[in-house]
N, C-alpha and C. Protein backbone atom coordinates (compact mmCIF):
# COMPACT_ATOMS: atom_id res chain seq x y z
N LEU A 1 -6.58 -9.28 4.98
CA LEU A 1 -6.37 -10.84 4.82
C LEU A 1 -7.36 -10.39 3.36
N PHE A 2 -7.27 -10.79 1.90
CA PHE A 2 -8.43 -10.56 1.52
C PHE A 2 -7.96 -11.51 0.33
N VAL A 3 -9.03 -11.84 -0.75
CA VAL A 3 -8.63 -12.63 -1.86
C VAL A 3 -8.56 -12.34 -3.30
N THR A 4 -7.88 -12.40 -4.12
CA THR A 4 -7.48 -12.07 -5.46
C THR A 4 -8.45 -13.42 -6.28
N ALA A 5 -7.88 -13.34 -7.42
CA ALA A 5 -7.73 -14.25 -8.93
C ALA A 5 -6.60 -14.86 -8.55
N GLY A 6 -6.70 -16.50 -8.86
CA GLY A 6 -5.56 -17.07 -9.11
C GLY A 6 -4.16 -16.69 -10.21
N GLN A 7 -4.64 -15.68 -11.07
CA GLN A 7 -3.64 -15.26 -12.09
C GLN A 7 -3.22 -13.65 -11.79
N VAL A 8 -3.53 -13.26 -10.26
CA VAL A 8 -3.31 -11.65 -10.72
C VAL A 8 -1.73 -12.13 -9.66
N SER A 9 -0.95 -10.84 -10.17
CA SER A 9 0.72 -10.84 -9.78
C SER A 9 0.90 -10.15 -7.88
N ASP A 10 1.70 -10.50 -7.45
CA ASP A 10 1.42 -9.63 -6.49
C ASP A 10 1.74 -8.73 -6.68
N TYR A 11 2.24 -7.86 -7.37
CA TYR A 11 2.23 -6.16 -6.87
C TYR A 11 0.73 -5.63 -6.96
N ILE A 12 0.12 -6.31 -7.53
CA ILE A 12 -1.22 -5.92 -7.60
C ILE A 12 -2.09 -6.13 -6.01
N GLY A 13 -1.44 -7.12 -5.72
CA GLY A 13 -2.05 -7.89 -4.31
C GLY A 13 -1.38 -6.48 -3.45
N ALA A 14 -0.33 -5.88 -3.75
CA ALA A 14 0.62 -5.30 -2.79
C ALA A 14 -0.09 -3.71 -2.52
N ARG A 15 -0.21 -3.55 -3.97
CA ARG A 15 -0.48 -2.14 -4.60
C ARG A 15 -2.41 -2.03 -3.20
N ALA A 16 -2.88 -3.17 -3.48
CA ALA A 16 -3.71 -2.94 -2.58
C ALA A 16 -4.16 -3.06 -0.96
N LEU A 17 -3.12 -3.91 -0.90
CA LEU A 17 -2.88 -3.90 0.60
C LEU A 17 -2.01 -2.16 1.22
N LEU A 18 -1.16 -1.54 0.31
CA LEU A 18 -0.47 -0.74 0.56
C LEU A 18 -1.38 0.61 1.86
N ARG A 19 -3.08 0.47 1.36
CA ARG A 19 -3.67 0.93 2.51
C ARG A 19 -4.27 0.95 3.55
N ARG A 20 -3.94 -0.41 3.09
CA ARG A 20 -4.29 -0.79 4.49
C ARG A 20 -3.27 -1.44 6.22
N LEU A 21 -2.09 -1.04 5.46
CA LEU A 21 -0.97 -1.73 6.03
C LEU A 21 -0.93 -0.63 7.63
N PRO A 22 -0.71 -1.51 8.78
CA PRO A 22 -0.78 -1.35 10.11
C PRO A 22 0.63 -0.73 10.27
N ASN A 23 0.86 -0.03 11.23
CA ASN A 23 1.64 0.87 12.05
C ASN A 23 2.55 -0.38 12.09
N VAL A 24 3.95 -0.05 11.21
CA VAL A 24 4.99 -1.38 11.36
C VAL A 24 6.25 -0.79 11.16
N LYS A 25 7.27 -1.57 11.70
CA LYS A 25 8.74 -1.20 11.63
C LYS A 25 9.24 -1.44 10.52
N TRP A 26 8.39 -2.81 10.32
CA TRP A 26 9.34 -3.76 8.80
C TRP A 26 8.52 -4.62 8.15
N LEU A 27 8.50 -4.56 6.56
CA LEU A 27 7.30 -5.43 5.98
C LEU A 27 7.97 -6.81 5.66
N LEU A 28 8.51 -7.73 6.09
CA LEU A 28 9.14 -8.93 4.82
C LEU A 28 8.50 -9.50 3.97
N GLY A 29 8.71 -9.68 2.66
CA GLY A 29 8.57 -9.77 1.72
C GLY A 29 9.39 -10.83 0.61
N ASP A 30 9.47 -11.51 -0.54
CA ASP A 30 10.58 -12.30 -1.10
C ASP A 30 10.36 -11.52 -1.99
N ARG A 31 10.66 -12.39 -3.15
CA ARG A 31 11.23 -11.62 -4.14
C ARG A 31 10.14 -10.39 -5.03
N GLY A 32 9.35 -11.47 -5.14
CA GLY A 32 7.45 -11.05 -5.67
C GLY A 32 7.49 -10.06 -5.51
N TYR A 33 7.54 -9.42 -4.45
CA TYR A 33 6.85 -7.28 -4.27
C TYR A 33 8.68 -6.75 -4.62
N ASP A 34 9.60 -7.13 -5.22
CA ASP A 34 10.41 -6.23 -5.35
C ASP A 34 10.53 -5.09 -6.24
N ALA A 35 9.59 -4.39 -6.40
CA ALA A 35 9.53 -3.26 -7.48
C ALA A 35 10.02 -1.95 -6.10
N ASP A 36 10.71 -0.51 -6.95
CA ASP A 36 10.94 -0.07 -6.62
C ASP A 36 9.53 1.17 -6.37
N TRP A 37 8.50 1.26 -7.07
CA TRP A 37 7.88 2.12 -6.63
C TRP A 37 6.99 0.95 -4.95
N PHE A 38 6.49 -0.21 -5.62
CA PHE A 38 6.64 -0.42 -3.76
C PHE A 38 7.02 -0.14 -2.39
N ARG A 39 9.09 0.10 -2.84
CA ARG A 39 9.98 0.32 -1.60
C ARG A 39 9.57 1.31 -1.51
N GLU A 40 9.55 2.63 -2.39
CA GLU A 40 9.53 3.96 -2.20
C GLU A 40 8.08 3.80 -1.36
N ALA A 41 6.81 3.31 -1.53
CA ALA A 41 6.04 3.69 -0.73
C ALA A 41 5.72 2.92 0.37
N LEU A 42 6.87 2.25 0.75
CA LEU A 42 6.75 1.80 1.92
C LEU A 42 7.66 2.88 2.24
N GLN A 43 8.68 3.39 2.29
CA GLN A 43 9.79 4.44 2.87
C GLN A 43 8.64 5.55 3.29
N ASP A 44 7.25 6.07 2.69
CA ASP A 44 7.28 7.75 2.55
C ASP A 44 6.43 6.86 4.01
N LYS A 45 5.69 5.48 4.21
CA LYS A 45 4.91 5.61 5.07
C LYS A 45 5.46 4.88 6.58
N GLY A 46 6.69 4.97 6.22
CA GLY A 46 7.89 4.73 7.88
C GLY A 46 8.43 2.99 7.79
N ILE A 47 8.13 3.27 6.92
CA ILE A 47 8.22 1.21 7.01
C ILE A 47 9.14 0.96 6.05
N ARG A 48 10.36 0.30 6.85
CA ARG A 48 11.44 -0.11 6.22
C ARG A 48 11.25 -1.58 5.24
N ALA A 49 11.93 -2.05 4.19
CA ALA A 49 11.80 -3.07 3.61
C ALA A 49 12.12 -4.16 3.95
N CYS A 50 12.13 -5.58 3.66
CA CYS A 50 13.12 -6.39 3.89
C CYS A 50 12.35 -7.39 2.60
N ILE A 51 13.19 -6.87 1.64
CA ILE A 51 13.18 -7.65 0.50
C ILE A 51 13.98 -8.02 -0.12
N ALA A 52 14.42 -9.31 -0.28
CA ALA A 52 15.03 -9.77 -1.31
C ALA A 52 14.81 -8.65 -2.85
N GLY A 53 16.25 -8.11 -3.47
CA GLY A 53 16.41 -8.31 -5.09
C GLY A 53 16.20 -8.95 -5.81
N ARG A 54 15.50 -9.16 -6.95
CA ARG A 54 15.45 -9.73 -7.98
C ARG A 54 16.64 -10.01 -8.44
N LYS A 55 17.16 -11.52 -9.49
CA LYS A 55 18.05 -11.36 -10.38
C LYS A 55 17.90 -10.42 -11.09
N GLN A 56 17.15 -10.08 -12.10
CA GLN A 56 17.44 -9.34 -13.24
C GLN A 56 18.04 -8.14 -12.67
N ARG A 57 17.46 -7.86 -11.54
CA ARG A 57 18.29 -6.39 -11.17
C ARG A 57 19.01 -5.45 -11.74
N LYS A 58 19.63 -4.31 -12.19
CA LYS A 58 20.38 -3.84 -12.87
C LYS A 58 21.29 -3.00 -11.43
N THR A 59 20.44 -2.79 -10.66
CA THR A 59 20.91 -2.10 -9.82
C THR A 59 20.64 -3.17 -7.62
N PRO A 60 21.42 -3.70 -7.28
CA PRO A 60 21.65 -4.38 -6.47
C PRO A 60 20.58 -3.71 -5.40
N VAL A 61 19.94 -4.26 -4.24
CA VAL A 61 19.17 -3.23 -3.35
C VAL A 61 20.28 -4.13 -1.69
N LYS A 62 19.71 -3.53 -1.34
CA LYS A 62 20.64 -3.95 0.64
C LYS A 62 19.11 -4.50 0.79
N ASP A 63 19.36 -5.52 1.89
CA ASP A 63 19.08 -6.04 2.84
C ASP A 63 18.99 -6.43 3.54
N ASP A 64 18.04 -7.31 4.84
CA ASP A 64 19.02 -7.46 5.93
C ASP A 64 18.85 -8.99 5.84
N LYS A 65 19.95 -9.65 5.68
CA LYS A 65 19.63 -11.09 5.47
C LYS A 65 19.36 -12.01 6.72
N ARG A 66 19.50 -12.08 7.86
CA ARG A 66 19.03 -12.27 9.23
C ARG A 66 17.71 -12.69 9.34
N ARG A 67 16.84 -10.93 8.95
CA ARG A 67 15.35 -10.57 8.97
C ARG A 67 15.32 -11.44 8.15
N TYR A 68 15.83 -11.54 6.68
CA TYR A 68 14.61 -12.25 5.89
C TYR A 68 14.69 -13.24 5.87
N LYS A 69 15.42 -14.16 6.92
CA LYS A 69 15.54 -15.56 6.88
C LYS A 69 14.52 -16.22 7.68
N ARG A 70 14.16 -14.96 8.58
CA ARG A 70 12.87 -15.95 9.05
C ARG A 70 11.07 -15.57 8.42
N ARG A 71 11.17 -15.04 7.43
CA ARG A 71 10.30 -15.29 6.32
C ARG A 71 9.62 -16.78 6.25
N ASN A 72 10.68 -17.70 6.75
CA ASN A 72 10.62 -19.68 6.76
C ASN A 72 9.32 -19.72 7.55
N ARG A 73 9.28 -19.03 8.51
CA ARG A 73 7.70 -18.52 9.42
C ARG A 73 6.84 -19.01 9.00
N THR A 74 6.19 -17.90 8.00
CA THR A 74 5.59 -16.98 6.86
C THR A 74 5.56 -18.51 6.20
N GLU A 75 6.62 -19.16 5.50
CA GLU A 75 6.65 -20.20 3.98
C GLU A 75 5.87 -21.47 4.78
N ILE A 76 5.80 -21.63 5.65
CA ILE A 76 5.83 -22.90 6.96
C ILE A 76 3.83 -22.68 7.13
N MET A 77 3.54 -21.48 7.49
CA MET A 77 2.60 -21.56 7.72
C MET A 77 1.76 -21.62 6.16
N PHE A 78 2.20 -20.91 4.64
CA PHE A 78 1.13 -21.86 4.25
C PHE A 78 1.34 -23.10 3.30
N GLY A 79 2.18 -23.55 3.96
CA GLY A 79 2.85 -25.07 2.93
C GLY A 79 1.62 -25.61 3.89
N ARG A 80 1.22 -25.55 5.46
CA ARG A 80 0.50 -26.04 6.60
C ARG A 80 -0.97 -25.84 5.53
N LEU A 81 -1.20 -24.88 5.45
CA LEU A 81 -2.54 -24.30 4.96
C LEU A 81 -2.08 -25.31 3.68
N ASN A 82 -1.69 -25.62 2.67
CA ASN A 82 -1.95 -26.34 1.66
C ASN A 82 -2.00 -27.66 1.68
N ASP A 83 -1.88 -28.30 2.96
CA ASP A 83 -2.14 -29.70 2.84
C ASP A 83 -3.48 -30.10 3.80
N TRP A 84 -3.62 -29.12 3.05
CA TRP A 84 -5.52 -29.06 3.10
C TRP A 84 -5.90 -29.01 1.78
N ARG A 85 -6.41 -29.93 1.15
CA ARG A 85 -7.04 -30.02 -0.07
C ARG A 85 -7.89 -28.70 -0.93
N ARG A 86 -8.79 -28.54 0.33
CA ARG A 86 -10.06 -27.67 0.06
C ARG A 86 -9.13 -26.49 -0.10
N VAL A 87 -8.47 -25.58 0.62
CA VAL A 87 -7.63 -24.65 0.78
C VAL A 87 -6.69 -24.35 -1.23
N ALA A 88 -6.07 -25.55 -0.53
CA ALA A 88 -5.10 -25.62 -1.81
C ALA A 88 -4.88 -25.27 -3.27
N THR A 89 -6.50 -26.53 -3.42
CA THR A 89 -7.58 -26.05 -5.28
C THR A 89 -8.27 -25.02 -5.40
N ARG A 90 -8.79 -24.27 -3.73
CA ARG A 90 -9.57 -23.30 -3.98
C ARG A 90 -10.77 -24.14 -4.59
N TYR A 91 -11.61 -24.76 -4.03
CA TYR A 91 -12.96 -25.36 -4.34
C TYR A 91 -14.37 -24.53 -4.95
N ASP A 92 -14.36 -23.47 -3.49
CA ASP A 92 -14.77 -22.40 -3.33
C ASP A 92 -14.59 -21.83 -4.32
N ARG A 93 -15.79 -21.01 -4.88
CA ARG A 93 -15.75 -20.34 -5.53
C ARG A 93 -16.57 -19.01 -5.10
N CYS A 94 -16.94 -19.12 -3.94
CA CYS A 94 -17.33 -17.98 -3.06
C CYS A 94 -16.08 -16.89 -2.49
N PRO A 95 -15.29 -16.32 -2.35
CA PRO A 95 -14.66 -15.63 -1.69
C PRO A 95 -14.93 -15.61 0.41
N LYS A 96 -16.43 -15.61 0.33
CA LYS A 96 -16.21 -15.35 1.69
C LYS A 96 -16.44 -17.45 2.13
N ALA A 97 -17.01 -18.18 1.47
CA ALA A 97 -16.66 -19.27 1.52
C ALA A 97 -15.46 -19.99 1.95
N PHE A 98 -14.67 -19.26 0.95
CA PHE A 98 -12.54 -19.34 0.88
C PHE A 98 -12.30 -19.58 1.91
N LEU A 99 -12.82 -17.74 2.43
CA LEU A 99 -11.74 -17.34 3.20
C LEU A 99 -12.58 -18.26 4.69
N SER A 100 -13.84 -18.66 4.80
CA SER A 100 -14.00 -19.21 5.77
C SER A 100 -12.68 -20.78 5.93
N ALA A 101 -13.39 -21.30 4.65
CA ALA A 101 -12.19 -22.67 4.46
C ALA A 101 -10.82 -22.82 5.31
N ILE A 102 -10.45 -21.08 5.23
CA ILE A 102 -8.86 -20.80 5.46
C ILE A 102 -8.74 -20.84 7.15
N ALA A 103 -9.34 -20.14 7.36
CA ALA A 103 -10.04 -19.98 8.62
C ALA A 103 -10.24 -21.15 10.01
N LEU A 104 -11.05 -22.24 9.54
CA LEU A 104 -11.45 -23.30 9.86
C LEU A 104 -9.80 -24.44 9.39
N ALA A 105 -9.42 -24.45 8.28
CA ALA A 105 -8.10 -24.84 8.89
C ALA A 105 -6.67 -24.22 10.05
N ALA A 106 -6.18 -22.89 9.60
CA ALA A 106 -6.11 -22.60 10.70
C ALA A 106 -6.05 -22.77 12.00
N ILE A 107 -7.75 -22.79 12.19
CA ILE A 107 -7.88 -22.81 13.88
C ILE A 107 -6.94 -24.30 14.04
N VAL A 108 -7.31 -25.49 13.23
CA VAL A 108 -7.17 -26.90 13.19
C VAL A 108 -5.77 -26.93 13.56
N ILE A 109 -4.54 -26.41 12.41
CA ILE A 109 -4.01 -26.28 12.13
C ILE A 109 -3.18 -25.76 14.25
N TYR A 110 -4.28 -24.73 14.75
CA TYR A 110 -3.50 -24.24 15.62
C TYR A 110 -3.57 -24.54 16.64
N TRP A 111 -4.49 -25.48 16.84
CA TRP A 111 -5.00 -26.50 17.69
C TRP A 111 -4.43 -27.70 17.87
N LEU A 112 -3.68 -27.92 16.72
CA LEU A 112 -3.16 -29.61 16.87
C LEU A 112 -1.46 -28.98 16.89
């Protein structure tokens, strides 16, 4: 988990995470991560990508529709975190304080 600036695209975050990915079989991602270089990098690491292709893509890519629908669990988790106004609007300028607020919100959500 790391924090980027608000205007940073998903590609930059994906590039930073590539080096730290654990040994997994699949990576589920939304259309924001649909890039040929990212798919190739995942394939080089032995990770199968389950990322829906963008609508503007000239050559469609295959993805596992059933597995892709499981992303809703992640989307629900981010939705619950965004119920916390401090997290949703990022009141904290310091990344450590912001990550601490996320951790606190996640703990409270988990226990409720």
